[in-house]
Amino acid sequence: MNSIMAIHPYKHEGLWVFDDEKVGLVQEPFVSGADIIIETMVETIPNAEQGFTLIFSAQPFPGHQAKFDWLREDSGGNWYYTEALDAEGWLCPALFKYFDAAPKNIYAQFKAKAS
């Protein structure tokens, strides 16, 4: 399993979703606060709705913009909090396609998708 991963979320019918054929996900939505966090983090990325790159890891990496701290398990997913935005977001069980267990922290970078 990679220690740094990337997905390419985009807007579909008003929802932030992503596809990752390597793990069998198609239009997997971000909901319950995770969508609001994305909205805030991509405000300065041109045309983010058509797709942006989200790089994430359980370890800090150069260029990460946000740290998400694990709060609790709920409904098969996990709640995370980011002090940078004073916001919580829920990550669904698709999290386990990338991590064996819910990491204590998730570090993330939001950037324009390469053409």
C-alpha atoms as a PDB file:
ATOM      1  CA  MET A   1       0.000   0.000   0.000  1.00  0.00           C
ATOM      2  CA  ASN A   2       1.318   3.460  -0.887  1.00  0.00           C
ATOM      3  CA  SER A   3       2.037   5.892   1.924  1.00  0.00           C
ATOM      4  CA  ILE A   4       0.982   8.899  -0.197  1.00  0.00           C
ATOM      5  CA  MET A   5      -2.133   8.562  -2.320  1.00  0.00           C
ATOM      6  CA  ALA A   6      -3.988  10.768  -4.786  1.00  0.00           C
ATOM      7  CA  ILE A   7      -7.548  10.946  -6.014  1.00  0.00           C
ATOM      8  CA  HIS A   8      -9.228  13.407  -8.373  1.00  0.00           C
ATOM      9  CA  PRO A   9     -12.581  14.614  -6.997  1.00  0.00           C
ATOM     10  CA  TYR A  10     -15.057  16.496  -9.183  1.00  0.00           C
ATOM     11  CA  LYS A  11     -18.637  17.711  -8.964  1.00  0.00           C
ATOM     12  CA  HIS A  12     -21.412  15.466 -10.261  1.00  0.00           C
ATOM     13  CA  GLU A  13     -25.071  16.467  -9.883  1.00  0.00           C
ATOM     14  CA  GLY A  14     -24.142  18.878  -7.100  1.00  0.00           C
ATOM     15  CA  LEU A  15     -22.030  16.406  -5.109  1.00  0.00           C
ATOM     16  CA  TRP A  16     -18.274  16.127  -4.726  1.00  0.00           C
ATOM     17  CA  VAL A  17     -17.406  12.599  -5.918  1.00  0.00           C
ATOM     18  CA  PHE A  18     -14.373  10.673  -7.106  1.00  0.00           C
ATOM     19  CA  ASP A  19     -13.571   7.597  -9.161  1.00  0.00           C
ATOM     20  CA  ASP A  20     -10.734   5.200  -8.441  1.00  0.00           C
ATOM     21  CA  GLU A  21     -10.822   2.153 -10.662  1.00  0.00           C
ATOM     22  CA  LYS A  22      -7.825   0.654  -8.818  1.00  0.00           C
ATOM     23  CA  VAL A  23     -10.029   0.110  -5.763  1.00  0.00           C
ATOM     24  CA  GLY A  24     -13.394  -0.262  -7.499  1.00  0.00           C
ATOM     25  CA  LEU A  25     -14.967   3.112  -6.687  1.00  0.00           C
ATOM     26  CA  VAL A  26     -17.117   5.086  -9.124  1.00  0.00           C
ATOM     27  CA  GLN A  27     -18.703   8.434  -8.230  1.00  0.00           C
ATOM     28  CA  GLU A  28     -18.040   7.824  -4.529  1.00  0.00           C
ATOM     29  CA  PRO A  29     -19.517  10.875  -2.778  1.00  0.00           C
ATOM     30  CA  PHE A  30     -18.118  13.056  -0.027  1.00  0.00           C
ATOM     31  CA  VAL A  31     -20.916  13.869   2.454  1.00  0.00           C
ATOM     32  CA  SER A  32     -21.558  14.959   6.054  1.00  0.00           C
ATOM     33  CA  GLY A  33     -19.151  17.872   6.280  1.00  0.00           C
ATOM     34  CA  ALA A  34     -16.384  16.430   4.097  1.00  0.00           C
ATOM     35  CA  ASP A  35     -18.097  18.106   1.131  1.00  0.00           C
ATOM     36  CA  ILE A  36     -18.088  21.474   2.908  1.00  0.00           C
ATOM     37  CA  ILE A  37     -14.397  21.106   3.778  1.00  0.00           C
ATOM     38  CA  ILE A  38     -13.657  20.428   0.105  1.00  0.00           C
ATOM     39  CA  GLU A  39     -15.657  23.499  -0.972  1.00  0.00           C
ATOM     40  CA  THR A  40     -13.549  25.676   1.317  1.00  0.00           C
ATOM     41  CA  MET A  41     -10.203  24.118   0.400  1.00  0.00           C
ATOM     42  CA  VAL A  42     -10.739  24.446  -3.377  1.00  0.00           C
ATOM     43  CA  GLU A  43     -12.063  28.037  -3.424  1.00  0.00           C
ATOM     44  CA  THR A  44      -8.885  29.298  -5.094  1.00  0.00           C
ATOM     45  CA  ILE A  45      -8.471  26.390  -7.535  1.00  0.00           C
ATOM     46  CA  PRO A  46      -9.766  27.381 -10.983  1.00  0.00           C
ATOM     47  CA  ASN A  47     -12.466  25.049 -12.339  1.00  0.00           C
ATOM     48  CA  ALA A  48     -12.168  22.711  -9.338  1.00  0.00           C
ATOM     49  CA  GLU A  49     -15.675  21.448 -10.094  1.00  0.00           C
ATOM     50  CA  GLN A  50     -14.297  19.788 -13.252  1.00  0.00           C
ATOM     51  CA  GLY A  51     -11.667  18.038 -11.130  1.00  0.00           C
ATOM     52  CA  PHE A  52      -8.766  18.724  -8.797  1.00  0.00           C
ATOM     53  CA  THR A  53      -6.083  16.588  -7.204  1.00  0.00           C
ATOM     54  CA  LEU A  54      -6.343  15.582  -3.559  1.00  0.00           C
ATOM     55  CA  ILE A  55      -3.119  14.117  -2.184  1.00  0.00           C
ATOM     56  CA  PHE A  56      -3.372  12.462   1.228  1.00  0.00           C
ATOM     57  CA  SER A  57      -1.363  10.414   3.698  1.00  0.00           C
ATOM     58  CA  ALA A  58      -1.359   9.260   7.301  1.00  0.00           C
ATOM     59  CA  GLN A  59       2.058  10.926   7.653  1.00  0.00           C
ATOM     60  CA  PRO A  60       2.950  14.595   7.156  1.00  0.00           C
ATOM     61  CA  PHE A  61       4.463  15.377   3.762  1.00  0.00           C
ATOM     62  CA  PRO A  62       5.942  18.550   2.226  1.00  0.00           C
ATOM     63  CA  GLY A  63       3.188  20.834   0.954  1.00  0.00           C
ATOM     64  CA  HIS A  64       0.288  19.416   2.965  1.00  0.00           C
ATOM     65  CA  GLN A  65      -2.274  22.127   3.652  1.00  0.00           C
ATOM     66  CA  ALA A  66      -4.478  20.528   6.261  1.00  0.00           C
ATOM     67  CA  LYS A  67      -4.251  18.010   9.073  1.00  0.00           C
ATOM     68  CA  PHE A  68      -7.345  16.012   9.988  1.00  0.00           C
ATOM     69  CA  ASP A  69      -7.498  14.447  13.456  1.00  0.00           C
ATOM     70  CA  TRP A  70      -9.548  11.293  14.093  1.00  0.00           C
ATOM     71  CA  LEU A  71     -12.499  11.878  16.419  1.00  0.00           C
ATOM     72  CA  ARG A  72     -14.741   8.809  16.429  1.00  0.00           C
ATOM     73  CA  GLU A  73     -16.237   5.931  14.454  1.00  0.00           C
ATOM     74  CA  ASP A  74     -19.826   6.293  13.291  1.00  0.00           C
ATOM     75  CA  SER A  75     -22.017   4.281  10.911  1.00  0.00           C
ATOM     76  CA  GLY A  76     -19.082   2.314   9.532  1.00  0.00           C
ATOM     77  CA  GLY A  77     -17.134   5.473   8.721  1.00  0.00           C
ATOM     78  CA  ASN A  78     -15.022   7.884  10.737  1.00  0.00           C
ATOM     79  CA  TRP A  79     -15.267  11.520  11.770  1.00  0.00           C
ATOM     80  CA  TYR A  80     -12.213  13.774  11.417  1.00  0.00           C
ATOM     81  CA  TYR A  81     -11.622  17.339  12.631  1.00  0.00           C
ATOM     82  CA  THR A  82      -9.409  20.004  11.095  1.00  0.00           C
ATOM     83  CA  GLU A  83      -8.327  22.857  13.315  1.00  0.00           C
ATOM     84  CA  ALA A  84      -7.382  24.933  10.238  1.00  0.00           C
ATOM     85  CA  LEU A  85     -11.095  25.273   9.364  1.00  0.00           C
ATOM     86  CA  ASP A  86     -12.584  24.403  12.760  1.00  0.00           C
ATOM     87  CA  ALA A  87     -14.670  21.824  10.920  1.00  0.00           C
ATOM     88  CA  GLU A  88     -15.595  18.149  11.107  1.00  0.00           C
ATOM     89  CA  GLY A  89     -16.163  15.797   8.209  1.00  0.00           C
ATOM     90  CA  TRP A  90     -17.209  12.162   7.945  1.00  0.00           C
ATOM     91  CA  LEU A  91     -15.293   9.741   5.747  1.00  0.00           C
ATOM     92  CA  CYS A  92     -17.306   6.723   4.669  1.00  0.00           C
ATOM     93  CA  PRO A  93     -16.075   3.113   4.731  1.00  0.00           C
ATOM     94  CA  ALA A  94     -14.324   3.743   1.376  1.00  0.00           C
ATOM     95  CA  LEU A  95     -11.524   5.037   3.643  1.00  0.00           C
ATOM     96  CA  PHE A  96     -10.592   1.385   4.166  1.00  0.00           C
ATOM     97  CA  LYS A  97      -9.785   1.025   0.468  1.00  0.00           C
ATOM     98  CA  TYR A  98      -6.739   3.198   1.295  1.00  0.00           C
ATOM     99  CA  PHE A  99      -5.967   2.376   4.930  1.00  0.00           C
ATOM    100  CA  ASP A 100      -6.154  -0.905   6.865  1.00  0.00           C
ATOM    101  CA  ALA A 101      -7.522   0.997   9.872  1.00  0.00           C
ATOM    102  CA  ALA A 102      -8.704   4.567  10.363  1.00  0.00           C
ATOM    103  CA  PRO A 103      -5.501   6.603  10.762  1.00  0.00           C
ATOM    104  CA  LYS A 104      -5.072   8.850  13.788  1.00  0.00           C
ATOM    105  CA  ASN A 105      -4.310  11.728  11.413  1.00  0.00           C
ATOM    106  CA  ILE A 106      -4.759  12.386   7.718  1.00  0.00           C
ATOM    107  CA  TYR A 107      -2.664  15.058   5.988  1.00  0.00           C
ATOM    108  CA  ALA A 108      -3.957  16.519   2.739  1.00  0.00           C
ATOM    109  CA  GLN A 109      -3.054  18.809  -0.121  1.00  0.00           C
ATOM    110  CA  PHE A 110      -5.654  20.230  -2.525  1.00  0.00           C
ATOM    111  CA  LYS A 111      -4.280  21.376  -5.883  1.00  0.00           C
ATOM    112  CA  ALA A 112      -5.206  21.973  -9.480  1.00  0.00           C
ATOM    113  CA  LYS A 113      -5.355  18.838 -11.591  1.00  0.00           C
ATOM    114  CA  ALA A 114      -2.555  18.578 -14.141  1.00  0.00           C
ATOM    115  CA  SER A 115      -3.819  18.964 -17.701  1.00  0.00           C
END
